[in-house]
Amino acid sequence: MEKISFSRQIPVALKPYFQEYDIARLDISRDANLIIQRVLEFGTWDEIRWLFQLYRGKRIRSYLREHGERGLKPVTFNYWRKLLDIRRWKRSPFPTALGDVWNH
């Protein structure tokens, strides 16, 4: 397993998560939501550590509150929501699970 050292550049090890992008052109400020989404969804623990060093918990919590339910798989969103104790978030206007279809 390759250990990721902290850098403000996107580690080459993350390239498979951004196949449709040139990671050298991704900007950590402009593309923060994309980077956070991909690493939370697919990242290893070393990659997640890098993410939290880069953006800190406050920024990642903000992503989860604003975009998490729509941007992550339900199991991933619920994992991070519970781990980071997020109790309020922007709800998706669309059903997110089969049960939601029947409850609306």
C-alpha atoms as a PDB file:
ATOM      1  CA  MET A   1       0.000   0.000   0.000  1.00  0.00           C
ATOM      2  CA  GLU A   2       1.338   3.387  -1.002  1.00  0.00           C
ATOM      3  CA  LYS A   3       1.454   5.928   1.817  1.00  0.00           C
ATOM      4  CA  ILE A   4       0.300   9.380   0.757  1.00  0.00           C
ATOM      5  CA  SER A   5       2.327  12.268   2.120  1.00  0.00           C
ATOM      6  CA  PHE A   6       0.607  15.599   2.538  1.00  0.00           C
ATOM      7  CA  SER A   7       0.684  17.857  -0.459  1.00  0.00           C
ATOM      8  CA  ARG A   8      -1.557  20.604  -1.786  1.00  0.00           C
ATOM      9  CA  GLN A   9      -1.378  18.827  -5.144  1.00  0.00           C
ATOM     10  CA  ILE A  10      -3.759  15.984  -5.891  1.00  0.00           C
ATOM     11  CA  PRO A  11      -1.761  12.776  -5.342  1.00  0.00           C
ATOM     12  CA  VAL A  12      -1.182  10.664  -8.442  1.00  0.00           C
ATOM     13  CA  ALA A  13      -2.640   7.705  -6.501  1.00  0.00           C
ATOM     14  CA  LEU A  14      -6.047   9.418  -6.796  1.00  0.00           C
ATOM     15  CA  LYS A  15      -5.941   9.512 -10.601  1.00  0.00           C
ATOM     16  CA  PRO A  16      -8.265   6.471 -11.018  1.00  0.00           C
ATOM     17  CA  TYR A  17     -11.019   8.416  -9.211  1.00  0.00           C
ATOM     18  CA  PHE A  18     -10.825  11.219 -11.781  1.00  0.00           C
ATOM     19  CA  GLN A  19     -10.624   9.268 -15.034  1.00  0.00           C
ATOM     20  CA  GLU A  20     -12.587  11.861 -16.997  1.00  0.00           C
ATOM     21  CA  TYR A  21     -10.338  14.710 -15.779  1.00  0.00           C
ATOM     22  CA  ASP A  22      -6.718  15.726 -16.155  1.00  0.00           C
ATOM     23  CA  ILE A  23      -5.762  15.776 -12.460  1.00  0.00           C
ATOM     24  CA  ALA A  24      -2.925  18.209 -13.184  1.00  0.00           C
ATOM     25  CA  ARG A  25      -5.599  20.751 -14.203  1.00  0.00           C
ATOM     26  CA  LEU A  26      -7.847  20.254 -11.185  1.00  0.00           C
ATOM     27  CA  ASP A  27      -7.625  23.120  -8.723  1.00  0.00           C
ATOM     28  CA  ILE A  28      -7.984  22.320  -5.023  1.00  0.00           C
ATOM     29  CA  SER A  29     -10.063  25.474  -4.431  1.00  0.00           C
ATOM     30  CA  ARG A  30     -12.203  25.599  -7.562  1.00  0.00           C
ATOM     31  CA  ASP A  31     -12.793  21.835  -7.699  1.00  0.00           C
ATOM     32  CA  ALA A  32     -13.071  21.210  -3.959  1.00  0.00           C
ATOM     33  CA  ASN A  33     -16.552  19.669  -4.101  1.00  0.00           C
ATOM     34  CA  LEU A  34     -15.502  17.216  -6.807  1.00  0.00           C
ATOM     35  CA  ILE A  35     -12.331  16.245  -4.937  1.00  0.00           C
ATOM     36  CA  ILE A  36     -14.156  15.825  -1.629  1.00  0.00           C
ATOM     37  CA  GLN A  37     -16.909  13.763  -3.262  1.00  0.00           C
ATOM     38  CA  ARG A  38     -14.549  11.378  -5.033  1.00  0.00           C
ATOM     39  CA  VAL A  39     -12.239  10.817  -2.069  1.00  0.00           C
ATOM     40  CA  LEU A  40     -15.082  10.300   0.426  1.00  0.00           C
ATOM     41  CA  GLU A  41     -16.716   7.859  -1.979  1.00  0.00           C
ATOM     42  CA  PHE A  42     -13.685   5.860  -3.130  1.00  0.00           C
ATOM     43  CA  GLY A  43     -10.653   6.822  -1.037  1.00  0.00           C
ATOM     44  CA  THR A  44      -8.472   4.647   1.144  1.00  0.00           C
ATOM     45  CA  TRP A  45      -7.796   5.719   4.736  1.00  0.00           C
ATOM     46  CA  ASP A  46      -4.492   7.332   3.704  1.00  0.00           C
ATOM     47  CA  GLU A  47      -6.291   9.284   0.970  1.00  0.00           C
ATOM     48  CA  ILE A  48      -9.010  10.335   3.397  1.00  0.00           C
ATOM     49  CA  ARG A  49      -6.346  11.531   5.859  1.00  0.00           C
ATOM     50  CA  TRP A  50      -4.857  13.638   3.035  1.00  0.00           C
ATOM     51  CA  LEU A  51      -8.343  15.040   2.287  1.00  0.00           C
ATOM     52  CA  PHE A  52      -8.913  16.055   5.923  1.00  0.00           C
ATOM     53  CA  GLN A  53      -5.460  17.664   6.094  1.00  0.00           C
ATOM     54  CA  LEU A  54      -6.189  19.620   2.925  1.00  0.00           C
ATOM     55  CA  TYR A  55      -9.757  20.781   3.605  1.00  0.00           C
ATOM     56  CA  ARG A  56     -10.211  20.292   7.351  1.00  0.00           C
ATOM     57  CA  GLY A  57     -13.378  18.960   8.917  1.00  0.00           C
ATOM     58  CA  LYS A  58     -15.382  22.195   8.636  1.00  0.00           C
ATOM     59  CA  ARG A  59     -15.119  22.287   4.820  1.00  0.00           C
ATOM     60  CA  ILE A  60     -15.900  18.582   4.477  1.00  0.00           C
ATOM     61  CA  ARG A  61     -18.923  18.925   6.769  1.00  0.00           C
ATOM     62  CA  SER A  62     -20.093  21.845   4.647  1.00  0.00           C
ATOM     63  CA  TYR A  63     -19.869  19.674   1.518  1.00  0.00           C
ATOM     64  CA  LEU A  64     -21.851  16.904   3.225  1.00  0.00           C
ATOM     65  CA  ARG A  65     -24.566  19.325   4.376  1.00  0.00           C
ATOM     66  CA  GLU A  66     -24.952  21.008   0.981  1.00  0.00           C
ATOM     67  CA  HIS A  67     -24.227  18.239  -1.535  1.00  0.00           C
ATOM     68  CA  GLY A  68     -23.702  14.954   0.272  1.00  0.00           C
ATOM     69  CA  GLU A  69     -27.125  13.393  -0.123  1.00  0.00           C
ATOM     70  CA  ARG A  70     -27.123  14.038  -3.881  1.00  0.00           C
ATOM     71  CA  GLY A  71     -23.402  13.563  -4.545  1.00  0.00           C
ATOM     72  CA  LEU A  72     -22.653  10.370  -2.641  1.00  0.00           C
ATOM     73  CA  LYS A  73     -24.143   6.916  -2.640  1.00  0.00           C
ATOM     74  CA  PRO A  74     -26.698   6.623   0.192  1.00  0.00           C
ATOM     75  CA  VAL A  75     -24.529   4.207   2.188  1.00  0.00           C
ATOM     76  CA  THR A  76     -21.491   6.501   1.846  1.00  0.00           C
ATOM     77  CA  PHE A  77     -23.452   9.627   2.755  1.00  0.00           C
ATOM     78  CA  ASN A  78     -24.983   7.984   5.820  1.00  0.00           C
ATOM     79  CA  TYR A  79     -21.607   6.643   6.954  1.00  0.00           C
ATOM     80  CA  TRP A  80     -19.939  10.080   6.823  1.00  0.00           C
ATOM     81  CA  ARG A  81     -23.023  11.853   8.167  1.00  0.00           C
ATOM     82  CA  LYS A  82     -23.049   9.632  11.252  1.00  0.00           C
ATOM     83  CA  LEU A  83     -19.269   9.630  11.681  1.00  0.00           C
ATOM     84  CA  LEU A  84     -19.114  13.441  11.553  1.00  0.00           C
ATOM     85  CA  ASP A  85     -22.352  13.906  13.546  1.00  0.00           C
ATOM     86  CA  ILE A  86     -24.201  15.834  10.844  1.00  0.00           C
ATOM     87  CA  ARG A  87     -27.836  16.175  11.832  1.00  0.00           C
ATOM     88  CA  ARG A  88     -29.079  18.703   9.276  1.00  0.00           C
ATOM     89  CA  TRP A  89     -28.435  18.704   5.555  1.00  0.00           C
ATOM     90  CA  LYS A  90     -29.940  19.908   2.308  1.00  0.00           C
ATOM     91  CA  ARG A  91     -32.419  17.234   1.311  1.00  0.00           C
ATOM     92  CA  SER A  92     -32.528  16.009  -2.247  1.00  0.00           C
ATOM     93  CA  PRO A  93     -35.693  17.041  -4.123  1.00  0.00           C
ATOM     94  CA  PHE A  94     -35.657  13.572  -5.675  1.00  0.00           C
ATOM     95  CA  PRO A  95     -36.291  10.218  -4.002  1.00  0.00           C
ATOM     96  CA  THR A  96     -32.980   8.826  -2.760  1.00  0.00           C
ATOM     97  CA  ALA A  97     -34.123   5.319  -1.880  1.00  0.00           C
ATOM     98  CA  LEU A  98     -36.857   2.975  -3.021  1.00  0.00           C
ATOM     99  CA  GLY A  99     -38.798   3.577   0.186  1.00  0.00           C
ATOM    100  CA  ASP A 100     -38.897   7.343  -0.532  1.00  0.00           C
ATOM    101  CA  VAL A 101     -40.919   6.720  -3.689  1.00  0.00           C
ATOM    102  CA  TRP A 102     -43.777   5.302  -1.650  1.00  0.00           C
ATOM    103  CA  ASN A 103     -43.622   7.888   1.116  1.00  0.00           C
ATOM    104  CA  HIS A 104     -44.143  10.977  -1.084  1.00  0.00           C
END
